[in-house]
Amino acid sequence: MLLRGFACGADVEVLQVVEAVMAAAPLRHMQTPGGYTMSVATTSCGALGWVSDARGYRYAALDPRSGQPWPALPASFLDLARCAAARTGYADFTPESCLINEYVPGAKLSLHQDKDEKDLSAPIVSLSLGLPAVFLFGSASRKDRAQRYRLVHGDVVVWGGPSRLAYHGVMPLADGEHALLGRRRINLTFRRVRVA
């Protein structure tokens, strides 16, 4: 489900907290298992952070760059993720991880499934901030044509149930200027990793 403008009233506070998380666990361009460098810069907060390197995609309790635990999941993030999930029928959603992606013009995310989580019964909650992006959302088969959705600042997308393993991605980000984020897009993706 697409919740248009869901986070607009909390955007300034959320961005302040994002900057604090990035200061504690700086953004980095991770390597894929195939040896490619991701065009999207990432970091995480919460009990578990998503990491990628030659050994594969996985969640880890420690930031591999610092060896320290990831920053705690802020209460404002938890509230936003829970409210969005509840609005779409997932009343018991409590994320353990928030993956923060930063896009600059030209950055993209290829079609993929979010399947590194052990709890696939929980939804994915995704918040867009900054420059607009074209979000691709398909089915559980990579062969099926993905639908295109234009996401703007404050939009939240929630998917779960039959669509939990849908292939999704982001088209190369178009250049532009956003009043709060300049030439950037920030995406927060909340996940429940372990089986409750």
C-alpha atoms as a PDB file:
ATOM      1  CA  MET A   1       0.000   0.000   0.000  1.00  0.00           C
ATOM      2  CA  LEU A   2       1.141   3.521  -0.775  1.00  0.00           C
ATOM      3  CA  LEU A   3       0.465   6.129   1.920  1.00  0.00           C
ATOM      4  CA  ARG A   4       0.858   9.488   0.211  1.00  0.00           C
ATOM      5  CA  GLY A   5       2.406  12.200   2.409  1.00  0.00           C
ATOM      6  CA  PHE A   6       2.144  10.013   5.517  1.00  0.00           C
ATOM      7  CA  ALA A   7       5.317  11.383   7.140  1.00  0.00           C
ATOM      8  CA  CYS A   8       5.154  15.007   6.003  1.00  0.00           C
ATOM      9  CA  GLY A   9       4.293  16.312   9.479  1.00  0.00           C
ATOM     10  CA  ALA A  10       7.312  14.573  11.030  1.00  0.00           C
ATOM     11  CA  ASP A  11       9.838  15.116   8.244  1.00  0.00           C
ATOM     12  CA  VAL A  12      12.008  17.771   9.907  1.00  0.00           C
ATOM     13  CA  GLU A  13      12.351  15.754  13.114  1.00  0.00           C
ATOM     14  CA  VAL A  14      13.025  12.542  11.200  1.00  0.00           C
ATOM     15  CA  LEU A  15      15.766  14.211   9.149  1.00  0.00           C
ATOM     16  CA  GLN A  16      17.440  15.562  12.293  1.00  0.00           C
ATOM     17  CA  VAL A  17      17.500  12.053  13.723  1.00  0.00           C
ATOM     18  CA  VAL A  18      18.792  10.640  10.423  1.00  0.00           C
ATOM     19  CA  GLU A  19      21.719  13.069  10.525  1.00  0.00           C
ATOM     20  CA  ALA A  20      22.525  11.978  14.098  1.00  0.00           C
ATOM     21  CA  VAL A  21      22.495   8.308  13.053  1.00  0.00           C
ATOM     22  CA  MET A  22      24.755   9.082  10.079  1.00  0.00           C
ATOM     23  CA  ALA A  23      27.189  10.916  12.355  1.00  0.00           C
ATOM     24  CA  ALA A  24      27.444   7.843  14.603  1.00  0.00           C
ATOM     25  CA  ALA A  25      27.514   5.285  11.749  1.00  0.00           C
ATOM     26  CA  PRO A  26      28.617   7.068   8.561  1.00  0.00           C
ATOM     27  CA  LEU A  27      27.208   6.221   5.152  1.00  0.00           C
ATOM     28  CA  ARG A  28      29.241   3.870   3.007  1.00  0.00           C
ATOM     29  CA  HIS A  29      29.042   2.306  -0.469  1.00  0.00           C
ATOM     30  CA  MET A  30      28.922  -1.424   0.224  1.00  0.00           C
ATOM     31  CA  GLN A  31      30.245  -4.131  -2.045  1.00  0.00           C
ATOM     32  CA  THR A  32      27.921  -6.763  -3.468  1.00  0.00           C
ATOM     33  CA  PRO A  33      28.909 -10.445  -3.246  1.00  0.00           C
ATOM     34  CA  GLY A  34      29.683 -10.208  -6.977  1.00  0.00           C
ATOM     35  CA  GLY A  35      32.280  -7.489  -6.346  1.00  0.00           C
ATOM     36  CA  TYR A  36      30.288  -4.471  -7.524  1.00  0.00           C
ATOM     37  CA  THR A  37      30.102  -1.228  -5.561  1.00  0.00           C
ATOM     38  CA  MET A  38      26.560  -0.108  -4.815  1.00  0.00           C
ATOM     39  CA  SER A  39      25.674   3.344  -6.167  1.00  0.00           C
ATOM     40  CA  VAL A  40      23.477   3.876  -3.104  1.00  0.00           C
ATOM     41  CA  ALA A  41      25.252   4.802   0.142  1.00  0.00           C
ATOM     42  CA  THR A  42      23.935   2.987   3.211  1.00  0.00           C
ATOM     43  CA  THR A  43      23.989   2.783   6.974  1.00  0.00           C
ATOM     44  CA  SER A  44      21.694   1.282   9.606  1.00  0.00           C
ATOM     45  CA  CYS A  45      20.277   1.697  13.065  1.00  0.00           C
ATOM     46  CA  GLY A  46      18.592  -0.730  15.412  1.00  0.00           C
ATOM     47  CA  ALA A  47      19.578  -4.012  17.020  1.00  0.00           C
ATOM     48  CA  LEU A  48      20.683  -5.335  13.626  1.00  0.00           C
ATOM     49  CA  GLY A  49      22.132  -3.604  10.587  1.00  0.00           C
ATOM     50  CA  TRP A  50      22.092  -4.811   6.990  1.00  0.00           C
ATOM     51  CA  VAL A  51      25.529  -5.426   5.482  1.00  0.00           C
ATOM     52  CA  SER A  52      26.893  -6.656   2.178  1.00  0.00           C
ATOM     53  CA  ASP A  53      30.371  -7.820   1.183  1.00  0.00           C
ATOM     54  CA  ALA A  54      32.106 -10.705  -0.583  1.00  0.00           C
ATOM     55  CA  ARG A  55      30.577 -13.117   1.964  1.00  0.00           C
ATOM     56  CA  GLY A  56      27.023 -12.147   1.038  1.00  0.00           C
ATOM     57  CA  TYR A  57      24.033 -10.169   2.243  1.00  0.00           C
ATOM     58  CA  ARG A  58      23.121 -10.464   5.928  1.00  0.00           C
ATOM     59  CA  TYR A  59      22.246  -8.704   9.163  1.00  0.00           C
ATOM     60  CA  ALA A  60      24.868  -8.053  11.820  1.00  0.00           C
ATOM     61  CA  ALA A  61      24.716  -6.733  15.386  1.00  0.00           C
ATOM     62  CA  LEU A  62      27.950  -4.768  14.921  1.00  0.00           C
ATOM     63  CA  ASP A  63      28.861  -2.135  12.354  1.00  0.00           C
ATOM     64  CA  PRO A  64      31.725  -3.793  10.428  1.00  0.00           C
ATOM     65  CA  ARG A  65      33.422  -0.439   9.938  1.00  0.00           C
ATOM     66  CA  SER A  66      33.628   0.519  13.625  1.00  0.00           C
ATOM     67  CA  GLY A  67      33.170  -2.821  15.366  1.00  0.00           C
ATOM     68  CA  GLN A  68      30.566  -1.120  17.559  1.00  0.00           C
ATOM     69  CA  PRO A  69      26.816  -1.760  17.846  1.00  0.00           C
ATOM     70  CA  TRP A  70      24.689   0.175  15.395  1.00  0.00           C
ATOM     71  CA  PRO A  71      22.965   3.281  16.805  1.00  0.00           C
ATOM     72  CA  ALA A  72      19.734   2.451  18.609  1.00  0.00           C
ATOM     73  CA  LEU A  73      16.486   2.653  16.669  1.00  0.00           C
ATOM     74  CA  PRO A  74      15.099   6.085  17.648  1.00  0.00           C
ATOM     75  CA  ALA A  75      11.675   6.211  19.291  1.00  0.00           C
ATOM     76  CA  SER A  76      10.384   8.570  16.577  1.00  0.00           C
ATOM     77  CA  PHE A  77      11.358   6.023  13.901  1.00  0.00           C
ATOM     78  CA  LEU A  78       9.616   3.218  15.793  1.00  0.00           C
ATOM     79  CA  ASP A  79       6.450   5.281  16.162  1.00  0.00           C
ATOM     80  CA  LEU A  80       6.357   6.182  12.482  1.00  0.00           C
ATOM     81  CA  ALA A  81       6.967   2.585  11.316  1.00  0.00           C
ATOM     82  CA  ARG A  82       4.385   1.142  13.705  1.00  0.00           C
ATOM     83  CA  CYS A  83       1.740   3.718  12.719  1.00  0.00           C
ATOM     84  CA  ALA A  84       2.275   3.132   8.996  1.00  0.00           C
ATOM     85  CA  ALA A  85       2.145  -0.645   9.458  1.00  0.00           C
ATOM     86  CA  ALA A  86      -1.010  -0.422  11.579  1.00  0.00           C
ATOM     87  CA  ARG A  87      -2.667   1.813   8.963  1.00  0.00           C
ATOM     88  CA  THR A  88      -2.196  -0.979   6.414  1.00  0.00           C
ATOM     89  CA  GLY A  89      -3.339  -3.868   8.613  1.00  0.00           C
ATOM     90  CA  TYR A  90      -0.136  -4.913  10.383  1.00  0.00           C
ATOM     91  CA  ALA A  91      -0.983  -3.967  13.958  1.00  0.00           C
ATOM     92  CA  ASP A  92       1.817  -5.913  15.670  1.00  0.00           C
ATOM     93  CA  PHE A  93       4.792  -4.686  13.629  1.00  0.00           C
ATOM     94  CA  THR A  94       7.884  -3.744  15.635  1.00  0.00           C
ATOM     95  CA  PRO A  95      11.028  -3.355  13.504  1.00  0.00           C
ATOM     96  CA  GLU A  96      14.474  -4.368  14.707  1.00  0.00           C
ATOM     97  CA  SER A  97      16.352  -2.675  11.904  1.00  0.00           C
ATOM     98  CA  CYS A  98      16.211   0.484   9.841  1.00  0.00           C
ATOM     99  CA  LEU A  99      18.285   0.543   6.677  1.00  0.00           C
ATOM    100  CA  ILE A 100      19.074   4.106   5.596  1.00  0.00           C
ATOM    101  CA  ASN A 101      19.860   4.598   1.898  1.00  0.00           C
ATOM    102  CA  GLU A 102      21.112   7.843   0.397  1.00  0.00           C
ATOM    103  CA  TYR A 103      20.613   8.433  -3.319  1.00  0.00           C
ATOM    104  CA  VAL A 104      22.268  11.175  -5.335  1.00  0.00           C
ATOM    105  CA  PRO A 105      21.429  11.865  -9.003  1.00  0.00           C
ATOM    106  CA  GLY A 106      22.149   8.743 -11.045  1.00  0.00           C
ATOM    107  CA  ALA A 107      22.064   6.338  -8.091  1.00  0.00           C
ATOM    108  CA  LYS A 108      19.700   3.395  -8.424  1.00  0.00           C
ATOM    109  CA  LEU A 109      18.702   0.110  -6.851  1.00  0.00           C
ATOM    110  CA  SER A 110      18.340  -2.907  -9.126  1.00  0.00           C
ATOM    111  CA  LEU A 111      15.333  -5.189  -8.841  1.00  0.00           C
ATOM    112  CA  HIS A 112      15.715  -7.442  -5.811  1.00  0.00           C
ATOM    113  CA  GLN A 113      13.779  -9.241  -3.094  1.00  0.00           C
ATOM    114  CA  ASP A 114      14.088  -8.456   0.614  1.00  0.00           C
ATOM    115  CA  LYS A 115      14.663 -12.035   1.746  1.00  0.00           C
ATOM    116  CA  ASP A 116      17.537 -11.837   4.242  1.00  0.00           C
ATOM    117  CA  GLU A 117      15.038 -11.553   7.104  1.00  0.00           C
ATOM    118  CA  LYS A 118      14.009 -14.690   9.008  1.00  0.00           C
ATOM    119  CA  ASP A 119      10.546 -13.290   9.731  1.00  0.00           C
ATOM    120  CA  LEU A 120       8.866 -13.021   6.336  1.00  0.00           C
ATOM    121  CA  SER A 121       5.445 -12.683   7.976  1.00  0.00           C
ATOM    122  CA  ALA A 122       6.290  -9.085   8.922  1.00  0.00           C
ATOM    123  CA  PRO A 123       5.902  -6.298   6.343  1.00  0.00           C
ATOM    124  CA  ILE A 124       8.486  -3.922   4.951  1.00  0.00           C
ATOM    125  CA  VAL A 125       7.840  -0.238   5.726  1.00  0.00           C
ATOM    126  CA  SER A 126       9.662   2.228   3.468  1.00  0.00           C
ATOM    127  CA  LEU A 127       9.770   6.036   3.862  1.00  0.00           C
ATOM    128  CA  SER A 128      10.903   8.411   1.096  1.00  0.00           C
ATOM    129  CA  LEU A 129      12.428  11.821   1.838  1.00  0.00           C
ATOM    130  CA  GLY A 130      13.946  14.420  -0.464  1.00  0.00           C
ATOM    131  CA  LEU A 131      14.015  14.194  -4.256  1.00  0.00           C
ATOM    132  CA  PRO A 132      11.263  12.226  -6.035  1.00  0.00           C
ATOM    133  CA  ALA A 133      12.078   8.712  -7.183  1.00  0.00           C
ATOM    134  CA  VAL A 134      10.515   6.142  -9.496  1.00  0.00           C
ATOM    135  CA  PHE A 135       9.862   3.023  -7.431  1.00  0.00           C
ATOM    136  CA  LEU A 136       9.581  -0.268  -9.305  1.00  0.00           C
ATOM    137  CA  PHE A 137       7.313  -2.907  -7.766  1.00  0.00           C
ATOM    138  CA  GLY A 138       6.721  -6.265  -9.382  1.00  0.00           C
ATOM    139  CA  SER A 139       5.775  -9.756  -8.264  1.00  0.00           C
ATOM    140  CA  ALA A 140       7.594 -12.751  -6.771  1.00  0.00           C
ATOM    141  CA  SER A 141       8.873 -13.516 -10.281  1.00  0.00           C
ATOM    142  CA  ARG A 142      11.633 -11.372 -11.749  1.00  0.00           C
ATOM    143  CA  LYS A 143      10.182 -12.102 -15.208  1.00  0.00           C
ATOM    144  CA  ASP A 144       6.983 -10.156 -14.522  1.00  0.00           C
ATOM    145  CA  ARG A 145       6.903  -6.510 -15.552  1.00  0.00           C
ATOM    146  CA  ALA A 146       7.264  -4.145 -12.596  1.00  0.00           C
ATOM    147  CA  GLN A 147       4.789  -1.312 -12.049  1.00  0.00           C
ATOM    148  CA  ARG A 148       6.196   2.212 -11.680  1.00  0.00           C
ATOM    149  CA  TYR A 149       5.238   4.557  -8.840  1.00  0.00           C
ATOM    150  CA  ARG A 150       6.499   8.096  -8.387  1.00  0.00           C
ATOM    151  CA  LEU A 151       7.399   8.546  -4.718  1.00  0.00           C
ATOM    152  CA  VAL A 152       7.773  12.020  -3.272  1.00  0.00           C
ATOM    153  CA  HIS A 153       8.873  13.470   0.044  1.00  0.00           C
ATOM    154  CA  GLY A 154       6.867  12.001   2.925  1.00  0.00           C
ATOM    155  CA  ASP A 155       5.425   9.021   1.057  1.00  0.00           C
ATOM    156  CA  VAL A 156       5.450   5.639   2.810  1.00  0.00           C
ATOM    157  CA  VAL A 157       5.130   2.266   1.071  1.00  0.00           C
ATOM    158  CA  VAL A 158       4.179  -0.863   3.042  1.00  0.00           C
ATOM    159  CA  TRP A 159       4.230  -4.350   1.564  1.00  0.00           C
ATOM    160  CA  GLY A 160       3.746  -7.762   3.123  1.00  0.00           C
ATOM    161  CA  GLY A 161       1.675 -10.910   2.967  1.00  0.00           C
ATOM    162  CA  PRO A 162       1.472 -12.228  -0.622  1.00  0.00           C
ATOM    163  CA  SER A 163       3.613  -9.328  -1.873  1.00  0.00           C
ATOM    164  CA  ARG A 164       6.318  -9.657   0.811  1.00  0.00           C
ATOM    165  CA  LEU A 165       8.825 -11.215  -1.627  1.00  0.00           C
ATOM    166  CA  ALA A 166       7.931  -9.002  -4.583  1.00  0.00           C
ATOM    167  CA  TYR A 167      10.860  -7.800  -6.659  1.00  0.00           C
ATOM    168  CA  HIS A 168      11.345  -4.064  -6.281  1.00  0.00           C
ATOM    169  CA  GLY A 169      13.910  -1.384  -7.033  1.00  0.00           C
ATOM    170  CA  VAL A 170      14.501   2.279  -7.793  1.00  0.00           C
ATOM    171  CA  MET A 171      15.173   3.817 -11.218  1.00  0.00           C
ATOM    172  CA  PRO A 172      18.255   6.078 -11.535  1.00  0.00           C
ATOM    173  CA  LEU A 173      17.503   9.207  -9.518  1.00  0.00           C
ATOM    174  CA  ALA A 174      16.817  12.284 -11.627  1.00  0.00           C
ATOM    175  CA  ASP A 175      18.666  15.475 -10.769  1.00  0.00           C
ATOM    176  CA  GLY A 176      16.833  18.180  -8.903  1.00  0.00           C
ATOM    177  CA  GLU A 177      16.812  20.320  -5.783  1.00  0.00           C
ATOM    178  CA  HIS A 178      14.768  19.606  -2.670  1.00  0.00           C
ATOM    179  CA  ALA A 179      14.123  22.336  -0.083  1.00  0.00           C
ATOM    180  CA  LEU A 180      15.311  20.191   2.859  1.00  0.00           C
ATOM    181  CA  LEU A 181      17.741  17.726   1.286  1.00  0.00           C
ATOM    182  CA  GLY A 182      19.183  19.483  -1.744  1.00  0.00           C
ATOM    183  CA  ARG A 183      20.294  17.052  -4.460  1.00  0.00           C
ATOM    184  CA  ARG A 184      19.579  13.927  -2.377  1.00  0.00           C
ATOM    185  CA  ARG A 185      16.950  11.345  -1.602  1.00  0.00           C
ATOM    186  CA  ILE A 186      16.922   9.503   1.729  1.00  0.00           C
ATOM    187  CA  ASN A 187      15.021   6.243   2.087  1.00  0.00           C
ATOM    188  CA  LEU A 188      14.352   4.583   5.447  1.00  0.00           C
ATOM    189  CA  THR A 189      13.369   0.913   5.294  1.00  0.00           C
ATOM    190  CA  PHE A 190      12.098  -0.712   8.469  1.00  0.00           C
ATOM    191  CA  ARG A 191      12.342  -4.479   8.849  1.00  0.00           C
ATOM    192  CA  ARG A 192      11.533  -7.183  11.353  1.00  0.00           C
ATOM    193  CA  VAL A 193      14.453  -9.586  11.049  1.00  0.00           C
ATOM    194  CA  ARG A 194      14.061 -12.297  13.665  1.00  0.00           C
ATOM    195  CA  VAL A 195      10.971 -14.400  14.198  1.00  0.00           C
ATOM    196  CA  ALA A 196       9.075 -13.000  17.189  1.00  0.00           C
END
